[in-house]
Amino acid sequence: MIKSSRKTKETDIVVALNIYGTGKADIDTGIGFFDHMLDAFARHSLIDLKVKCVGDLHIDAHHSVEDVAIVLADALSKAIYPAQGIERYGNAVVVMDEASVSCDIDLSNRAYLVYDLPLHEGSVGSFDLELVEEFFKSLAFNMPLNIHLIYNRGTNRHHISEAAFKAFAVALRRAVVKNERVGVPSTKGVL
């Protein structure tokens, strides 16, 4: 298990993961919908994931969501980089009833996020939907990796959010598939 932690005046977070696991999840952030999204991520990426976050939820969920992404990014970075003997690229389209979201990723060790999801306002339960973008932004820029999340269709915001987390999970699962023929998956010779 790869472990990472972060403690600030706003959050106290511990993440442990096994990138080649079976999708077991033990998630406790104090934010129900976010726990549901991280559980979906673990199960569909097949990453064994433990997340414990104590955050300043009396203010709102922003610090907890952003900082969990930072700590998760650090653990994933430790598990993946320097990239060698893996596919590097992954993509997936996930549908949930009427919703469809595409995700393309590049484990390039460079940060970029294309975020085209209609989740800039509103909430699911008490979860502020603009935090979906904050999560993926913090993940992309702290790991780092390239993530393109594209909305294809749908109206239910729960379905769109969950399809995004699942599409990212499946794309990541495909990108870390072992392939020793690849060696270092870059013309630069290092990632």
Protein backbone atom coordinates (compact mmCIF):
# COMPACT_ATOMS: atom_id res chain seq x y z
CA MET A 1 0.00 0.00 0.00
CA ILE A 2 1.21 3.47 -0.93
CA LYS A 3 0.41 6.04 1.76
CA SER A 4 0.18 9.79 1.75
CA SER A 5 -1.05 12.31 4.30
CA ARG A 6 -1.56 16.02 4.77
CA LYS A 7 -2.44 18.03 7.86
CA THR A 8 -3.36 21.71 7.77
CA LYS A 9 -5.48 24.02 9.92
CA GLU A 10 -8.39 23.07 7.63
CA THR A 11 -8.00 19.31 7.07
CA ASP A 12 -6.30 16.17 8.35
CA ILE A 13 -6.16 13.51 5.62
CA VAL A 14 -4.65 10.05 5.22
CA VAL A 15 -4.85 8.10 1.94
CA ALA A 16 -3.59 4.56 1.31
CA LEU A 17 -3.91 2.75 -2.00
CA ASN A 18 -2.90 -0.28 -4.00
CA ILE A 19 -3.09 0.62 -7.67
CA TYR A 20 -3.30 -3.04 -8.72
CA GLY A 21 -5.96 -4.04 -6.22
CA THR A 22 -9.50 -5.32 -6.52
CA GLY A 23 -11.49 -2.13 -5.93
CA LYS A 24 -11.98 -2.43 -2.17
CA ALA A 25 -12.87 0.91 -0.64
CA ASP A 26 -12.91 2.32 2.89
CA ILE A 27 -13.88 5.97 2.52
CA ASP A 28 -14.73 8.46 5.28
CA THR A 29 -14.62 12.16 4.45
CA GLY A 30 -17.73 13.22 6.33
CA ILE A 31 -19.28 14.20 2.97
CA GLY A 32 -21.78 11.55 1.90
CA PHE A 33 -21.94 12.24 -1.83
CA PHE A 34 -18.16 12.65 -2.07
CA ASP A 35 -17.69 9.33 -0.26
CA HIS A 36 -20.04 7.78 -2.84
CA MET A 37 -17.94 9.24 -5.72
CA LEU A 38 -14.64 8.02 -4.23
CA ASP A 39 -16.15 4.58 -3.64
CA ALA A 40 -17.25 4.47 -7.29
CA PHE A 41 -13.75 5.58 -8.35
CA ALA A 42 -12.11 2.79 -6.32
CA ARG A 43 -14.46 0.08 -7.52
CA HIS A 44 -14.20 0.94 -11.21
CA SER A 45 -10.45 1.64 -11.24
CA LEU A 46 -9.84 -1.60 -9.27
CA ILE A 47 -7.67 0.45 -6.91
CA ASP A 48 -7.88 -0.58 -3.26
CA LEU A 49 -8.45 2.78 -1.57
CA LYS A 50 -8.62 4.01 2.00
CA VAL A 51 -9.41 7.66 2.65
CA LYS A 52 -9.88 9.28 6.04
CA CYS A 53 -10.51 13.02 6.10
CA VAL A 54 -11.38 15.22 9.03
CA GLY A 55 -12.15 18.66 7.64
CA ASP A 56 -13.69 21.98 8.54
CA LEU A 57 -17.14 20.96 7.33
CA HIS A 58 -18.71 23.60 9.59
CA ILE A 59 -17.49 26.04 6.90
CA ASP A 60 -18.23 23.90 3.83
CA ALA A 61 -16.82 20.91 1.92
CA HIS A 62 -14.42 22.86 -0.31
CA HIS A 63 -11.21 22.39 1.72
CA SER A 64 -11.91 18.69 2.29
CA VAL A 65 -12.61 17.90 -1.38
CA GLU A 66 -9.64 19.90 -2.66
CA ASP A 67 -7.22 18.49 -0.08
CA VAL A 68 -8.37 14.88 -0.54
CA ALA A 69 -7.59 15.32 -4.26
CA ILE A 70 -4.12 16.67 -3.38
CA VAL A 71 -3.35 13.70 -1.12
CA LEU A 72 -4.83 11.18 -3.55
CA ALA A 73 -2.74 12.74 -6.33
CA ASP A 74 0.42 12.36 -4.24
CA ALA A 75 -0.31 8.68 -3.55
CA LEU A 76 -1.12 7.99 -7.23
CA SER A 77 2.04 9.80 -8.31
CA LYS A 78 4.16 7.67 -5.96
CA ALA A 79 2.50 4.52 -7.36
CA ILE A 80 2.83 5.43 -11.06
CA TYR A 81 5.83 7.72 -11.68
CA PRO A 82 8.31 7.34 -13.18
CA ALA A 83 6.01 5.64 -15.67
CA GLN A 84 7.49 2.51 -17.18
CA GLY A 85 6.03 -0.68 -18.58
CA ILE A 86 2.47 0.67 -18.65
CA GLU A 87 0.13 1.76 -21.43
CA ARG A 88 0.21 5.46 -20.31
CA TYR A 89 -2.98 6.49 -22.15
CA GLY A 90 -6.51 5.56 -21.18
CA ASN A 91 -10.00 6.52 -22.16
CA ALA A 92 -13.56 5.56 -21.32
CA VAL A 93 -17.14 6.54 -21.95
CA VAL A 94 -19.47 5.80 -19.07
CA VAL A 95 -23.25 5.97 -19.29
CA MET A 96 -25.64 6.12 -16.38
CA ASP A 97 -29.20 6.02 -17.62
CA GLU A 98 -29.60 9.23 -19.69
CA ALA A 99 -26.13 10.59 -18.82
CA SER A 100 -22.90 9.97 -20.73
CA VAL A 101 -19.43 11.32 -19.91
CA SER A 102 -16.13 10.69 -21.71
CA CYS A 103 -12.72 10.76 -20.08
CA ASP A 104 -9.33 10.68 -21.77
CA ILE A 105 -6.14 10.69 -19.72
CA ASP A 106 -2.42 10.79 -20.33
CA LEU A 107 -0.04 9.79 -17.54
CA SER A 108 2.41 12.32 -18.91
CA ASN A 109 3.74 13.70 -15.61
CA ARG A 110 2.47 17.05 -16.92
CA ALA A 111 -0.63 18.85 -15.67
CA TYR A 112 -3.63 19.79 -17.79
CA LEU A 113 -7.37 19.68 -17.31
CA VAL A 114 -10.10 20.07 -19.91
CA TYR A 115 -13.34 20.17 -17.95
CA ASP A 116 -16.54 20.33 -19.99
CA LEU A 117 -19.25 19.22 -17.57
CA PRO A 118 -22.44 21.20 -16.82
CA LEU A 119 -21.83 21.08 -13.07
CA HIS A 120 -21.00 24.70 -12.24
CA GLU A 121 -23.95 25.37 -9.95
CA GLY A 122 -26.45 23.55 -7.82
CA SER A 123 -25.97 20.61 -5.51
CA VAL A 124 -26.67 16.94 -5.00
CA GLY A 125 -27.88 16.69 -1.45
CA SER A 126 -25.60 19.10 0.40
CA PHE A 127 -22.69 18.56 -2.03
CA ASP A 128 -21.89 21.70 -4.03
CA LEU A 129 -21.45 20.53 -7.64
CA GLU A 130 -18.76 23.09 -8.48
CA LEU A 131 -16.53 20.94 -6.22
CA VAL A 132 -16.42 18.23 -8.91
CA GLU A 133 -14.25 20.56 -11.01
CA GLU A 134 -12.15 21.48 -7.96
CA PHE A 135 -11.49 17.80 -7.30
CA PHE A 136 -10.32 17.04 -10.83
CA LYS A 137 -8.31 20.27 -11.06
CA SER A 138 -6.44 19.52 -7.83
CA LEU A 139 -5.88 15.92 -8.93
CA ALA A 140 -4.56 16.88 -12.39
CA PHE A 141 -2.24 19.61 -11.17
CA ASN A 142 -0.86 17.79 -8.13
CA MET A 143 -0.24 14.34 -9.61
CA PRO A 144 0.36 15.63 -12.40
CA LEU A 145 -1.50 14.18 -15.39
CA ASN A 146 -3.69 15.26 -18.29
CA ILE A 147 -7.44 14.77 -17.85
CA HIS A 148 -10.11 15.58 -20.43
CA LEU A 149 -13.65 15.19 -19.04
CA ILE A 150 -16.33 15.78 -21.66
CA TYR A 151 -20.10 15.85 -21.19
CA ASN A 152 -21.91 13.96 -23.93
CA ARG A 153 -25.51 14.11 -22.72
CA GLY A 154 -27.78 13.89 -19.71
CA THR A 155 -29.88 15.92 -17.31
CA ASN A 156 -29.58 14.28 -13.89
CA ARG A 157 -26.69 15.92 -12.04
CA HIS A 158 -26.10 12.90 -9.80
CA HIS A 159 -25.77 10.69 -12.89
CA ILE A 160 -23.47 13.17 -14.69
CA SER A 161 -21.19 13.50 -11.64
CA GLU A 162 -21.02 9.77 -11.06
CA ALA A 163 -20.40 9.05 -14.74
CA ALA A 164 -17.45 11.48 -14.59
CA PHE A 165 -15.84 9.76 -11.60
CA LYS A 166 -16.43 6.31 -13.13
CA ALA A 167 -15.13 7.36 -16.56
CA PHE A 168 -11.97 8.70 -14.92
CA ALA A 169 -11.63 5.45 -12.96
CA VAL A 170 -11.91 3.22 -16.03
CA ALA A 171 -9.57 5.45 -18.06
CA LEU A 172 -6.97 5.28 -15.27
CA ARG A 173 -7.38 1.49 -14.96
CA ARG A 174 -6.67 1.19 -18.69
CA ALA A 175 -3.70 3.59 -18.60
CA VAL A 176 -1.88 1.64 -15.88
CA VAL A 177 -2.26 -1.73 -17.60
CA LYS A 178 1.16 -3.36 -17.50
CA ASN A 179 2.84 -3.78 -20.86
CA GLU A 180 6.56 -4.53 -20.61
CA ARG A 181 6.94 -4.14 -24.40
CA VAL A 182 6.29 -0.42 -23.95
CA GLY A 183 9.32 0.25 -21.70
CA VAL A 184 9.27 4.00 -21.02
CA PRO A 185 6.13 5.15 -22.86
CA SER A 186 7.69 8.35 -24.23
CA THR A 187 9.99 9.48 -27.00
CA LYS A 188 11.68 11.63 -24.33
CA GLY A 189 12.89 8.49 -22.55
CA VAL A 190 11.39 9.49 -19.19
CA LEU A 191 8.01 10.42 -17.69
